[in-house]
N, C-alpha and C. Protein backbone atom coordinates (compact mmCIF):
# COMPACT_ATOMS: atom_id res chain seq x y z
N MET A 1 40.08 -91.51 -52.84
CA MET A 1 39.65 -90.21 -52.34
C MET A 1 40.80 -89.22 -52.51
N ILE A 2 40.50 -88.01 -52.99
CA ILE A 2 41.50 -86.99 -53.22
C ILE A 2 41.46 -85.98 -52.07
N LEU A 3 42.57 -85.78 -51.43
CA LEU A 3 42.65 -84.82 -50.35
C LEU A 3 43.29 -83.53 -50.84
N ASN A 4 42.72 -82.42 -50.43
CA ASN A 4 43.32 -81.15 -50.80
C ASN A 4 44.59 -80.92 -49.98
N PRO A 5 45.69 -80.59 -50.62
CA PRO A 5 46.91 -80.37 -49.86
C PRO A 5 46.80 -79.11 -49.01
N ARG A 6 47.55 -79.10 -47.90
CA ARG A 6 47.57 -77.91 -47.06
C ARG A 6 48.32 -76.80 -47.77
N PRO A 7 48.03 -75.55 -47.45
CA PRO A 7 48.82 -74.45 -48.02
C PRO A 7 50.30 -74.65 -47.73
N ALA A 8 51.13 -74.20 -48.65
CA ALA A 8 52.56 -74.46 -48.54
C ALA A 8 53.15 -73.95 -47.24
N ASP A 9 52.70 -72.75 -46.76
CA ASP A 9 53.33 -72.19 -45.59
C ASP A 9 52.85 -72.82 -44.29
N ALA A 10 51.90 -73.75 -44.36
CA ALA A 10 51.42 -74.43 -43.16
C ALA A 10 52.10 -75.77 -42.96
N THR A 11 52.97 -76.13 -43.85
CA THR A 11 53.63 -77.43 -43.77
C THR A 11 54.87 -77.35 -42.90
N PRO A 12 55.32 -78.49 -42.36
CA PRO A 12 56.58 -78.51 -41.60
C PRO A 12 57.76 -78.02 -42.43
N VAL A 13 57.68 -78.17 -43.77
CA VAL A 13 58.77 -77.72 -44.63
C VAL A 13 58.96 -76.22 -44.50
N ALA A 14 57.87 -75.45 -44.45
CA ALA A 14 57.95 -74.00 -44.32
C ALA A 14 58.55 -73.62 -42.97
N HIS A 15 58.09 -74.27 -41.93
CA HIS A 15 58.63 -73.97 -40.60
C HIS A 15 60.13 -74.25 -40.54
N ASP A 16 60.54 -75.37 -41.12
CA ASP A 16 61.95 -75.74 -41.08
C ASP A 16 62.79 -74.77 -41.91
N ARG A 17 62.23 -74.31 -43.03
CA ARG A 17 62.95 -73.35 -43.87
C ARG A 17 63.21 -72.05 -43.11
N VAL A 18 62.19 -71.55 -42.43
CA VAL A 18 62.34 -70.31 -41.66
C VAL A 18 63.33 -70.53 -40.51
N TYR A 19 63.18 -71.64 -39.83
CA TYR A 19 64.07 -71.95 -38.71
C TYR A 19 65.53 -71.99 -39.16
N ARG A 20 65.80 -72.70 -40.24
CA ARG A 20 67.19 -72.83 -40.69
C ARG A 20 67.76 -71.51 -41.18
N ALA A 21 66.94 -70.72 -41.87
CA ALA A 21 67.41 -69.43 -42.36
C ALA A 21 67.72 -68.49 -41.21
N LEU A 22 66.82 -68.40 -40.24
CA LEU A 22 67.06 -67.55 -39.08
C LEU A 22 68.23 -68.05 -38.24
N ARG A 23 68.30 -69.35 -38.09
CA ARG A 23 69.40 -69.94 -37.31
C ARG A 23 70.75 -69.59 -37.92
N GLY A 24 70.84 -69.71 -39.25
CA GLY A 24 72.08 -69.38 -39.93
C GLY A 24 72.45 -67.92 -39.77
N ARG A 25 71.47 -67.03 -39.88
CA ARG A 25 71.74 -65.59 -39.74
C ARG A 25 72.21 -65.25 -38.34
N ILE A 26 71.59 -65.86 -37.34
CA ILE A 26 71.98 -65.58 -35.96
C ILE A 26 73.38 -66.12 -35.68
N MET A 27 73.65 -67.35 -36.09
CA MET A 27 74.95 -67.96 -35.84
C MET A 27 76.07 -67.18 -36.51
N GLN A 28 75.80 -66.65 -37.70
CA GLN A 28 76.83 -65.95 -38.46
C GLN A 28 76.94 -64.47 -38.10
N GLY A 29 76.18 -64.02 -37.09
CA GLY A 29 76.32 -62.65 -36.64
C GLY A 29 75.66 -61.62 -37.53
N ASP A 30 74.68 -62.03 -38.35
CA ASP A 30 73.99 -61.06 -39.19
C ASP A 30 73.14 -60.10 -38.37
N LEU A 31 72.74 -60.53 -37.16
CA LEU A 31 71.88 -59.70 -36.32
C LEU A 31 72.67 -59.28 -35.07
N PRO A 32 72.61 -58.01 -34.70
CA PRO A 32 73.35 -57.53 -33.53
C PRO A 32 72.67 -57.96 -32.23
N PRO A 33 73.37 -57.90 -31.10
CA PRO A 33 72.76 -58.23 -29.81
C PRO A 33 71.58 -57.31 -29.51
N GLY A 34 70.51 -57.88 -28.96
CA GLY A 34 69.34 -57.09 -28.59
C GLY A 34 68.42 -56.71 -29.73
N GLU A 35 68.64 -57.28 -30.91
CA GLU A 35 67.80 -56.96 -32.08
C GLU A 35 66.41 -57.58 -31.88
N GLY A 36 65.38 -56.75 -31.90
CA GLY A 36 64.02 -57.24 -31.73
C GLY A 36 63.47 -57.86 -33.00
N LEU A 37 62.69 -58.92 -32.86
CA LEU A 37 62.06 -59.60 -33.99
C LEU A 37 60.57 -59.75 -33.69
N THR A 38 59.76 -59.71 -34.73
CA THR A 38 58.32 -59.94 -34.57
C THR A 38 57.89 -61.07 -35.49
N LEU A 39 56.85 -61.78 -35.09
CA LEU A 39 56.34 -62.85 -35.93
C LEU A 39 55.84 -62.29 -37.26
N ARG A 40 55.23 -61.12 -37.19
CA ARG A 40 54.73 -60.51 -38.43
C ARG A 40 55.89 -60.18 -39.37
N GLY A 41 56.97 -59.63 -38.81
CA GLY A 41 58.13 -59.29 -39.62
C GLY A 41 58.80 -60.52 -40.20
N ILE A 42 58.92 -61.58 -39.40
CA ILE A 42 59.51 -62.83 -39.89
C ILE A 42 58.64 -63.42 -41.00
N GLY A 43 57.33 -63.43 -40.77
CA GLY A 43 56.43 -63.97 -41.77
C GLY A 43 56.52 -63.22 -43.09
N LYS A 44 56.62 -61.90 -43.01
CA LYS A 44 56.72 -61.09 -44.23
C LYS A 44 58.04 -61.34 -44.95
N GLU A 45 59.13 -61.41 -44.19
CA GLU A 45 60.44 -61.60 -44.80
C GLU A 45 60.55 -62.94 -45.51
N TYR A 46 59.98 -64.00 -44.91
CA TYR A 46 60.13 -65.34 -45.47
C TYR A 46 58.87 -65.82 -46.19
N GLU A 47 57.89 -64.93 -46.30
CA GLU A 47 56.66 -65.20 -47.04
C GLU A 47 55.95 -66.44 -46.51
N VAL A 48 55.73 -66.42 -45.20
CA VAL A 48 55.00 -67.51 -44.56
C VAL A 48 53.95 -66.89 -43.63
N SER A 49 53.04 -67.71 -43.16
CA SER A 49 52.03 -67.25 -42.21
C SER A 49 52.63 -67.22 -40.79
N MET A 50 51.82 -66.84 -39.84
CA MET A 50 52.28 -66.72 -38.46
C MET A 50 52.67 -68.07 -37.85
N THR A 51 52.01 -69.15 -38.30
CA THR A 51 52.24 -70.45 -37.66
C THR A 51 53.67 -70.94 -37.83
N PRO A 52 54.22 -71.03 -39.05
CA PRO A 52 55.62 -71.47 -39.17
C PRO A 52 56.60 -70.46 -38.56
N ALA A 53 56.27 -69.16 -38.61
CA ALA A 53 57.14 -68.17 -37.98
C ALA A 53 57.19 -68.39 -36.48
N ARG A 54 56.04 -68.64 -35.89
CA ARG A 54 55.97 -68.86 -34.44
C ARG A 54 56.73 -70.13 -34.03
N GLU A 55 56.59 -71.20 -34.82
CA GLU A 55 57.26 -72.45 -34.49
C GLU A 55 58.77 -72.31 -34.62
N ALA A 56 59.24 -71.58 -35.64
CA ALA A 56 60.67 -71.35 -35.81
C ALA A 56 61.23 -70.57 -34.62
N VAL A 57 60.51 -69.54 -34.20
CA VAL A 57 60.93 -68.74 -33.05
C VAL A 57 60.96 -69.60 -31.79
N ARG A 58 59.95 -70.43 -31.62
CA ARG A 58 59.89 -71.29 -30.43
C ARG A 58 61.13 -72.18 -30.34
N ARG A 59 61.54 -72.77 -31.46
CA ARG A 59 62.71 -73.63 -31.47
C ARG A 59 63.98 -72.85 -31.16
N LEU A 60 64.09 -71.65 -31.72
CA LEU A 60 65.29 -70.84 -31.51
C LEU A 60 65.38 -70.32 -30.08
N VAL A 61 64.25 -70.02 -29.48
CA VAL A 61 64.25 -69.63 -28.07
C VAL A 61 64.71 -70.81 -27.21
N ALA A 62 64.24 -72.01 -27.54
CA ALA A 62 64.63 -73.20 -26.78
C ALA A 62 66.13 -73.47 -26.89
N GLU A 63 66.74 -73.10 -28.01
CA GLU A 63 68.18 -73.32 -28.21
C GLU A 63 69.03 -72.19 -27.65
N GLY A 64 68.39 -71.12 -27.17
CA GLY A 64 69.15 -70.00 -26.64
C GLY A 64 69.60 -69.02 -27.70
N ALA A 65 69.14 -69.21 -28.95
CA ALA A 65 69.51 -68.30 -30.03
C ALA A 65 68.72 -67.01 -29.98
N LEU A 66 67.53 -67.07 -29.38
CA LEU A 66 66.67 -65.90 -29.17
C LEU A 66 66.22 -65.91 -27.73
N THR A 67 65.85 -64.75 -27.23
CA THR A 67 65.28 -64.63 -25.90
C THR A 67 63.84 -64.15 -26.03
N MET A 68 63.02 -64.51 -25.05
CA MET A 68 61.65 -64.03 -25.01
C MET A 68 61.36 -63.50 -23.61
N SER A 69 60.96 -62.24 -23.54
CA SER A 69 60.69 -61.62 -22.25
C SER A 69 59.32 -62.05 -21.73
N SER A 70 59.02 -61.69 -20.49
CA SER A 70 57.72 -62.03 -19.90
C SER A 70 56.57 -61.37 -20.65
N SER A 71 56.88 -60.27 -21.35
CA SER A 71 55.85 -59.58 -22.13
C SER A 71 55.71 -60.16 -23.53
N GLY A 72 56.60 -61.12 -23.88
CA GLY A 72 56.52 -61.75 -25.19
C GLY A 72 57.45 -61.14 -26.22
N ARG A 73 58.29 -60.17 -25.84
CA ARG A 73 59.22 -59.57 -26.80
C ARG A 73 60.32 -60.57 -27.14
N VAL A 74 60.55 -60.75 -28.43
CA VAL A 74 61.57 -61.67 -28.92
C VAL A 74 62.76 -60.86 -29.42
N ALA A 75 63.96 -61.26 -29.03
CA ALA A 75 65.16 -60.53 -29.44
C ALA A 75 66.36 -61.47 -29.46
N THR A 76 67.42 -61.04 -30.13
CA THR A 76 68.69 -61.76 -30.06
C THR A 76 69.29 -61.51 -28.68
N PRO A 77 70.06 -62.46 -28.15
CA PRO A 77 70.55 -62.34 -26.76
C PRO A 77 71.60 -61.25 -26.59
N GLU A 78 71.53 -60.59 -25.46
CA GLU A 78 72.58 -59.68 -25.00
C GLU A 78 73.25 -60.37 -23.81
N LEU A 79 74.46 -60.84 -24.01
CA LEU A 79 75.12 -61.69 -23.02
C LEU A 79 75.85 -60.87 -21.97
N SER A 80 75.70 -61.27 -20.71
CA SER A 80 76.46 -60.67 -19.63
C SER A 80 77.90 -61.18 -19.70
N ASN A 81 78.80 -60.50 -18.97
CA ASN A 81 80.19 -60.95 -18.93
C ASN A 81 80.30 -62.37 -18.38
N GLU A 82 79.47 -62.69 -17.39
CA GLU A 82 79.50 -64.03 -16.81
C GLU A 82 79.07 -65.07 -17.83
N ARG A 83 78.07 -64.75 -18.63
CA ARG A 83 77.61 -65.68 -19.66
C ARG A 83 78.66 -65.87 -20.75
N ILE A 84 79.34 -64.79 -21.12
CA ILE A 84 80.41 -64.89 -22.12
C ILE A 84 81.52 -65.79 -21.61
N GLU A 85 81.90 -65.62 -20.35
CA GLU A 85 82.94 -66.47 -19.75
C GLU A 85 82.51 -67.93 -19.75
N GLU A 86 81.24 -68.17 -19.43
CA GLU A 86 80.74 -69.54 -19.40
C GLU A 86 80.80 -70.18 -20.78
N LEU A 87 80.36 -69.46 -21.79
CA LEU A 87 80.35 -70.00 -23.15
C LEU A 87 81.76 -70.16 -23.69
N ALA A 88 82.66 -69.25 -23.32
CA ALA A 88 84.06 -69.41 -23.72
C ALA A 88 84.65 -70.68 -23.12
N ALA A 89 84.31 -70.95 -21.86
CA ALA A 89 84.79 -72.17 -21.21
C ALA A 89 84.24 -73.41 -21.90
N LEU A 90 82.98 -73.35 -22.30
CA LEU A 90 82.38 -74.48 -23.03
C LEU A 90 83.09 -74.70 -24.36
N ARG A 91 83.37 -73.61 -25.08
CA ARG A 91 84.08 -73.75 -26.35
C ARG A 91 85.44 -74.42 -26.14
N ALA A 92 86.13 -73.99 -25.08
CA ALA A 92 87.45 -74.56 -24.81
C ALA A 92 87.36 -76.06 -24.54
N LEU A 93 86.35 -76.47 -23.79
CA LEU A 93 86.20 -77.89 -23.48
C LEU A 93 85.82 -78.71 -24.70
N ILE A 94 84.77 -78.27 -25.39
CA ILE A 94 84.21 -79.07 -26.48
C ILE A 94 85.11 -79.05 -27.71
N GLU A 95 85.57 -77.86 -28.10
CA GLU A 95 86.28 -77.75 -29.37
C GLU A 95 87.70 -78.29 -29.29
N VAL A 96 88.32 -78.18 -28.14
CA VAL A 96 89.64 -78.80 -27.98
C VAL A 96 89.53 -80.32 -28.13
N GLU A 97 88.48 -80.89 -27.55
CA GLU A 97 88.28 -82.35 -27.66
C GLU A 97 87.96 -82.74 -29.11
N LEU A 98 87.15 -81.95 -29.79
CA LEU A 98 86.84 -82.25 -31.19
C LEU A 98 88.11 -82.20 -32.04
N ALA A 99 88.93 -81.20 -31.84
CA ALA A 99 90.17 -81.09 -32.62
C ALA A 99 91.09 -82.27 -32.35
N SER A 100 91.18 -82.67 -31.09
CA SER A 100 92.03 -83.81 -30.73
C SER A 100 91.55 -85.08 -31.41
N ARG A 101 90.23 -85.28 -31.45
CA ARG A 101 89.68 -86.46 -32.10
C ARG A 101 89.85 -86.41 -33.62
N ALA A 102 89.92 -85.18 -34.17
CA ALA A 102 90.07 -85.03 -35.62
C ALA A 102 91.50 -85.29 -36.07
N LEU A 103 92.46 -85.09 -35.18
CA LEU A 103 93.87 -85.16 -35.57
C LEU A 103 94.27 -86.45 -36.28
N PRO A 104 93.86 -87.63 -35.80
CA PRO A 104 94.28 -88.86 -36.51
C PRO A 104 93.74 -88.95 -37.93
N ARG A 105 92.72 -88.18 -38.26
CA ARG A 105 92.11 -88.23 -39.60
C ARG A 105 92.44 -86.97 -40.41
N ALA A 106 93.43 -86.22 -39.96
CA ALA A 106 93.77 -84.95 -40.62
C ALA A 106 94.70 -85.20 -41.80
N HIS A 107 94.13 -85.62 -42.91
CA HIS A 107 94.93 -85.88 -44.11
C HIS A 107 95.28 -84.57 -44.80
N MET A 108 96.14 -84.64 -45.80
CA MET A 108 96.63 -83.44 -46.46
C MET A 108 95.51 -82.64 -47.12
N ALA A 109 94.50 -83.31 -47.65
CA ALA A 109 93.39 -82.59 -48.28
C ALA A 109 92.67 -81.70 -47.28
N LEU A 110 92.53 -82.17 -46.05
CA LEU A 110 91.91 -81.35 -45.00
C LEU A 110 92.76 -80.13 -44.71
N ILE A 111 94.06 -80.32 -44.57
CA ILE A 111 94.96 -79.21 -44.27
C ILE A 111 94.91 -78.17 -45.39
N GLU A 112 94.90 -78.63 -46.62
CA GLU A 112 94.82 -77.70 -47.76
C GLU A 112 93.49 -76.96 -47.77
N ARG A 113 92.41 -77.65 -47.40
CA ARG A 113 91.10 -77.00 -47.33
C ARG A 113 91.09 -75.92 -46.24
N LEU A 114 91.68 -76.21 -45.10
CA LEU A 114 91.75 -75.22 -44.03
C LEU A 114 92.58 -74.01 -44.44
N GLN A 115 93.65 -74.25 -45.17
CA GLN A 115 94.45 -73.14 -45.66
C GLN A 115 93.65 -72.26 -46.63
N ALA A 116 92.86 -72.89 -47.49
CA ALA A 116 92.03 -72.14 -48.44
C ALA A 116 90.98 -71.31 -47.70
N ILE A 117 90.38 -71.88 -46.67
CA ILE A 117 89.39 -71.14 -45.89
C ILE A 117 90.06 -69.95 -45.20
N ASN A 118 91.29 -70.15 -44.74
CA ASN A 118 92.00 -69.06 -44.08
C ASN A 118 92.26 -67.91 -45.04
N VAL A 119 92.45 -68.21 -46.32
CA VAL A 119 92.60 -67.17 -47.33
C VAL A 119 91.30 -66.36 -47.42
N SER A 120 90.16 -67.06 -47.40
CA SER A 120 88.87 -66.37 -47.44
C SER A 120 88.67 -65.50 -46.20
N ILE A 121 89.13 -65.98 -45.05
CA ILE A 121 89.05 -65.19 -43.83
C ILE A 121 89.88 -63.91 -43.98
N ALA A 122 91.06 -64.04 -44.55
CA ALA A 122 91.92 -62.87 -44.76
C ALA A 122 91.23 -61.86 -45.68
N GLU A 123 90.54 -62.34 -46.70
CA GLU A 123 89.83 -61.44 -47.61
C GLU A 123 88.69 -60.72 -46.89
N ALA A 124 88.00 -61.44 -46.01
CA ALA A 124 86.91 -60.82 -45.25
C ALA A 124 87.46 -59.74 -44.32
N VAL A 125 88.61 -60.00 -43.71
CA VAL A 125 89.23 -59.01 -42.83
C VAL A 125 89.64 -57.78 -43.64
N ALA A 126 90.24 -58.02 -44.81
CA ALA A 126 90.69 -56.91 -45.65
C ALA A 126 89.54 -56.01 -46.08
N HIS A 127 88.37 -56.60 -46.29
CA HIS A 127 87.20 -55.83 -46.72
C HIS A 127 86.34 -55.36 -45.55
N ARG A 128 86.79 -55.62 -44.32
CA ARG A 128 86.04 -55.23 -43.13
C ARG A 128 84.62 -55.78 -43.17
N ASP A 129 84.49 -57.02 -43.62
CA ASP A 129 83.18 -57.67 -43.79
C ASP A 129 82.96 -58.60 -42.59
N ALA A 130 82.28 -58.09 -41.58
CA ALA A 130 82.11 -58.85 -40.34
C ALA A 130 81.34 -60.14 -40.56
N ALA A 131 80.25 -60.08 -41.34
CA ALA A 131 79.43 -61.26 -41.56
C ALA A 131 80.23 -62.36 -42.27
N SER A 132 81.00 -61.99 -43.29
CA SER A 132 81.82 -62.98 -44.00
C SER A 132 82.92 -63.52 -43.11
N TYR A 133 83.47 -62.66 -42.28
CA TYR A 133 84.52 -63.12 -41.36
C TYR A 133 83.97 -64.18 -40.41
N ILE A 134 82.83 -63.91 -39.81
CA ILE A 134 82.27 -64.87 -38.85
C ILE A 134 81.89 -66.15 -39.56
N ARG A 135 81.29 -66.04 -40.74
CA ARG A 135 80.86 -67.23 -41.49
C ARG A 135 82.06 -68.10 -41.86
N THR A 136 83.12 -67.50 -42.39
CA THR A 136 84.28 -68.29 -42.81
C THR A 136 85.06 -68.81 -41.60
N ASN A 137 85.06 -68.05 -40.51
CA ASN A 137 85.72 -68.54 -39.30
C ASN A 137 85.03 -69.79 -38.77
N LEU A 138 83.70 -69.77 -38.75
CA LEU A 138 82.96 -70.95 -38.33
C LEU A 138 83.18 -72.11 -39.31
N GLU A 139 83.28 -71.80 -40.60
CA GLU A 139 83.53 -72.84 -41.59
C GLU A 139 84.88 -73.51 -41.32
N PHE A 140 85.88 -72.72 -40.95
CA PHE A 140 87.20 -73.26 -40.62
C PHE A 140 87.09 -74.30 -39.50
N HIS A 141 86.41 -73.90 -38.42
CA HIS A 141 86.29 -74.80 -37.27
C HIS A 141 85.42 -76.02 -37.60
N ARG A 142 84.31 -75.80 -38.26
CA ARG A 142 83.42 -76.92 -38.57
C ARG A 142 84.12 -77.93 -39.49
N THR A 143 84.87 -77.44 -40.47
CA THR A 143 85.58 -78.33 -41.39
C THR A 143 86.55 -79.23 -40.64
N LEU A 144 87.25 -78.66 -39.67
CA LEU A 144 88.17 -79.47 -38.87
C LEU A 144 87.40 -80.46 -37.99
N TYR A 145 86.36 -79.98 -37.32
CA TYR A 145 85.68 -80.83 -36.34
C TYR A 145 84.87 -81.96 -36.97
N LEU A 146 84.47 -81.79 -38.21
CA LEU A 146 83.77 -82.88 -38.89
C LEU A 146 84.64 -84.13 -38.97
N ARG A 147 85.96 -83.93 -39.00
CA ARG A 147 86.86 -85.08 -39.08
C ARG A 147 86.90 -85.85 -37.77
N ALA A 148 86.37 -85.28 -36.69
CA ALA A 148 86.35 -85.98 -35.41
C ALA A 148 85.34 -87.12 -35.42
N GLN A 149 84.36 -87.05 -36.33
CA GLN A 149 83.29 -88.05 -36.41
C GLN A 149 82.60 -88.21 -35.05
N ALA A 150 82.26 -87.06 -34.46
CA ALA A 150 81.58 -87.02 -33.16
C ALA A 150 80.38 -86.08 -33.29
N PRO A 151 79.30 -86.53 -33.95
CA PRO A 151 78.20 -85.63 -34.28
C PRO A 151 77.50 -85.01 -33.07
N ALA A 152 77.38 -85.75 -31.97
CA ALA A 152 76.73 -85.19 -30.79
C ALA A 152 77.56 -84.04 -30.21
N MET A 153 78.86 -84.24 -30.19
CA MET A 153 79.74 -83.20 -29.66
C MET A 153 79.74 -81.97 -30.57
N LEU A 154 79.73 -82.20 -31.88
CA LEU A 154 79.69 -81.08 -32.82
C LEU A 154 78.38 -80.31 -32.69
N ALA A 155 77.29 -81.02 -32.46
CA ALA A 155 76.00 -80.35 -32.27
C ALA A 155 76.04 -79.46 -31.03
N MET A 156 76.71 -79.90 -29.99
CA MET A 156 76.86 -79.08 -28.79
C MET A 156 77.68 -77.82 -29.09
N ALA A 157 78.74 -77.98 -29.87
CA ALA A 157 79.55 -76.82 -30.24
C ALA A 157 78.73 -75.82 -31.05
N GLU A 158 77.91 -76.32 -31.97
CA GLU A 158 77.11 -75.44 -32.80
C GLU A 158 76.05 -74.70 -31.98
N THR A 159 75.54 -75.33 -30.94
CA THR A 159 74.59 -74.65 -30.06
C THR A 159 75.26 -73.47 -29.36
N VAL A 160 76.51 -73.66 -28.95
CA VAL A 160 77.26 -72.55 -28.34
C VAL A 160 77.49 -71.45 -29.36
N TRP A 161 77.89 -71.82 -30.58
CA TRP A 161 78.09 -70.81 -31.63
C TRP A 161 76.80 -70.03 -31.87
N LEU A 162 75.70 -70.73 -31.86
CA LEU A 162 74.41 -70.10 -32.11
C LEU A 162 74.09 -69.05 -31.05
N GLN A 163 74.33 -69.39 -29.80
CA GLN A 163 74.05 -68.44 -28.72
C GLN A 163 74.99 -67.25 -28.76
N MET A 164 76.17 -67.43 -29.36
CA MET A 164 77.17 -66.37 -29.36
C MET A 164 77.21 -65.55 -30.64
N GLY A 165 76.42 -65.92 -31.66
CA GLY A 165 76.51 -65.25 -32.95
C GLY A 165 76.44 -63.73 -32.87
N PRO A 166 75.39 -63.16 -32.27
CA PRO A 166 75.32 -61.70 -32.19
C PRO A 166 76.48 -61.08 -31.41
N THR A 167 76.92 -61.75 -30.35
CA THR A 167 78.04 -61.25 -29.56
C THR A 167 79.33 -61.28 -30.36
N MET A 168 79.50 -62.30 -31.20
CA MET A 168 80.69 -62.37 -32.05
C MET A 168 80.74 -61.19 -33.01
N ARG A 169 79.57 -60.75 -33.49
CA ARG A 169 79.52 -59.57 -34.36
C ARG A 169 80.02 -58.34 -33.60
N ALA A 170 79.57 -58.20 -32.34
CA ALA A 170 80.01 -57.07 -31.53
C ALA A 170 81.51 -57.16 -31.23
N LEU A 171 81.99 -58.38 -30.99
CA LEU A 171 83.41 -58.59 -30.71
C LEU A 171 84.25 -58.21 -31.92
N TYR A 172 83.82 -58.56 -33.11
CA TYR A 172 84.59 -58.23 -34.31
C TYR A 172 84.78 -56.72 -34.41
N GLY A 173 83.71 -55.96 -34.17
CA GLY A 173 83.81 -54.52 -34.25
C GLY A 173 84.75 -53.94 -33.21
N ARG A 174 84.78 -54.54 -32.04
CA ARG A 174 85.63 -54.03 -30.96
C ARG A 174 87.10 -54.33 -31.21
N LEU A 175 87.41 -55.50 -31.76
CA LEU A 175 88.80 -55.88 -31.96
C LEU A 175 89.45 -55.17 -33.14
N ARG A 176 88.65 -54.69 -34.09
CA ARG A 176 89.17 -53.99 -35.29
C ARG A 176 90.27 -54.83 -35.95
N LYS A 177 89.92 -56.04 -36.33
CA LYS A 177 90.89 -56.98 -36.89
C LYS A 177 91.49 -56.45 -38.19
N THR A 178 92.78 -56.69 -38.36
CA THR A 178 93.47 -56.31 -39.59
C THR A 178 94.15 -57.51 -40.24
N GLU A 179 94.07 -58.68 -39.59
CA GLU A 179 94.66 -59.89 -40.16
C GLU A 179 93.90 -61.11 -39.65
N PRO A 180 94.03 -62.25 -40.34
CA PRO A 180 93.31 -63.46 -39.92
C PRO A 180 93.77 -63.90 -38.52
N PRO A 181 92.98 -64.73 -37.86
CA PRO A 181 93.35 -65.20 -36.52
C PRO A 181 94.72 -65.88 -36.53
N GLN A 182 95.62 -65.40 -35.68
CA GLN A 182 96.97 -65.96 -35.67
C GLN A 182 96.99 -67.42 -35.28
N PHE A 183 96.01 -67.83 -34.46
CA PHE A 183 96.02 -69.21 -33.99
C PHE A 183 95.60 -70.20 -35.06
N HIS A 184 94.95 -69.73 -36.12
CA HIS A 184 94.62 -70.64 -37.22
C HIS A 184 95.89 -71.20 -37.86
N ARG A 185 96.87 -70.35 -38.00
CA ARG A 185 98.14 -70.83 -38.57
C ARG A 185 98.78 -71.86 -37.65
N LEU A 186 98.66 -71.67 -36.35
CA LEU A 186 99.22 -72.63 -35.40
C LEU A 186 98.43 -73.94 -35.42
N ILE A 187 97.10 -73.83 -35.61
CA ILE A 187 96.28 -75.04 -35.72
C ILE A 187 96.71 -75.86 -36.94
N ILE A 188 96.88 -75.19 -38.07
CA ILE A 188 97.28 -75.87 -39.30
C ILE A 188 98.67 -76.49 -39.15
N ALA A 189 99.59 -75.75 -38.52
CA ALA A 189 100.95 -76.27 -38.32
C ALA A 189 100.93 -77.50 -37.41
N ALA A 190 100.11 -77.47 -36.37
CA ALA A 190 100.03 -78.62 -35.46
C ALA A 190 99.42 -79.83 -36.15
N LEU A 191 98.43 -79.60 -36.99
CA LEU A 191 97.84 -80.71 -37.75
C LEU A 191 98.89 -81.32 -38.68
N ARG A 192 99.64 -80.46 -39.34
CA ARG A 192 100.66 -80.96 -40.28
C ARG A 192 101.73 -81.77 -39.56
N ALA A 193 102.06 -81.37 -38.33
CA ALA A 193 103.13 -82.03 -37.57
C ALA A 193 102.61 -83.20 -36.73
N GLY A 194 101.27 -83.36 -36.67
CA GLY A 194 100.72 -84.39 -35.80
C GLY A 194 100.94 -84.10 -34.34
N ASP A 195 100.98 -82.81 -33.99
CA ASP A 195 101.32 -82.35 -32.64
C ASP A 195 100.02 -82.13 -31.84
N GLU A 196 99.60 -83.15 -31.08
CA GLU A 196 98.34 -83.03 -30.34
C GLU A 196 98.40 -81.97 -29.24
N PRO A 197 99.44 -81.93 -28.40
CA PRO A 197 99.48 -80.86 -27.38
C PRO A 197 99.46 -79.46 -28.01
N GLY A 198 100.19 -79.28 -29.10
CA GLY A 198 100.21 -77.99 -29.78
C GLY A 198 98.86 -77.65 -30.37
N LEU A 199 98.17 -78.66 -30.90
CA LEU A 199 96.85 -78.44 -31.48
C LEU A 199 95.85 -78.04 -30.40
N ARG A 200 95.87 -78.75 -29.29
CA ARG A 200 94.94 -78.45 -28.20
C ARG A 200 95.15 -77.02 -27.68
N LEU A 201 96.41 -76.63 -27.54
CA LEU A 201 96.71 -75.28 -27.05
C LEU A 201 96.26 -74.22 -28.06
N ALA A 202 96.51 -74.46 -29.34
CA ALA A 202 96.15 -73.48 -30.37
C ALA A 202 94.64 -73.31 -30.46
N VAL A 203 93.90 -74.40 -30.39
CA VAL A 203 92.44 -74.31 -30.46
C VAL A 203 91.89 -73.61 -29.23
N ARG A 204 92.40 -73.99 -28.06
CA ARG A 204 91.92 -73.36 -26.82
C ARG A 204 92.18 -71.85 -26.86
N SER A 205 93.34 -71.45 -27.29
CA SER A 205 93.67 -70.03 -27.37
C SER A 205 92.78 -69.31 -28.38
N ASP A 206 92.55 -69.96 -29.51
CA ASP A 206 91.76 -69.34 -30.58
C ASP A 206 90.33 -69.09 -30.16
N VAL A 207 89.72 -70.04 -29.45
CA VAL A 207 88.29 -69.92 -29.15
C VAL A 207 88.00 -69.12 -27.89
N THR A 208 89.04 -68.80 -27.12
CA THR A 208 88.79 -68.08 -25.85
C THR A 208 89.39 -66.68 -25.80
N GLN A 209 90.45 -66.43 -26.51
CA GLN A 209 91.17 -65.17 -26.32
C GLN A 209 90.30 -63.95 -26.58
N GLY A 210 89.66 -63.91 -27.75
CA GLY A 210 88.85 -62.76 -28.09
C GLY A 210 87.63 -62.60 -27.20
N LEU A 211 87.00 -63.73 -26.86
CA LEU A 211 85.81 -63.67 -26.03
C LEU A 211 86.13 -63.13 -24.65
N ARG A 212 87.24 -63.54 -24.09
CA ARG A 212 87.58 -63.06 -22.75
C ARG A 212 88.01 -61.59 -22.79
N MET A 213 88.53 -61.15 -23.93
CA MET A 213 88.81 -59.72 -24.08
C MET A 213 87.51 -58.92 -24.06
N LEU A 214 86.48 -59.48 -24.68
CA LEU A 214 85.17 -58.81 -24.71
C LEU A 214 84.56 -58.73 -23.32
N ALA A 215 84.81 -59.75 -22.50
CA ALA A 215 84.23 -59.80 -21.16
C ALA A 215 85.03 -58.98 -20.15
N SER A 216 86.23 -58.57 -20.52
CA SER A 216 87.08 -57.85 -19.57
C SER A 216 86.68 -56.40 -19.44
């Protein structure tokens, strides 16, 4: 018996494609805080029907990447100062532990890769490219944390990044950066020296300093 396949946009593949694309944009700060989204607009942008658009939004709301009001309005989150402080504290806890676990596996190839990413971050700063800056900054951290071989912990860190993506875009504009994060150089130096206390301090400072400035 021959079964007619379902339309392409009704498959789980379509829903997952929309979810991953939107998730990446939110995490990387492509959308500002409070940006409204509609299912119709998402469907048009990604050429899918309402069903996969709705399912993608549902997942992102559950992860805290989007908010949904009682009236059904969907938007990127606008974080209160208290929420920013909470997420900064989470980053300090989770990412410091990930870096510490990565240290024993920090071979020279990893250090060279982090240095190369830092060059890309410097280029993004020089061009005042907020989206590239956030993307390469996250790449720097993810590259290091992958060496921790702690996937559950990394998933928790990425959930925090996801909730903070739009706020990070606002933070970049406020700080008016003119050079790469100074603590990245300290992270690389600590990795090279095998200095765990120095690494933990550099990571904690890197992930909290700017956020707490935004909340002040």
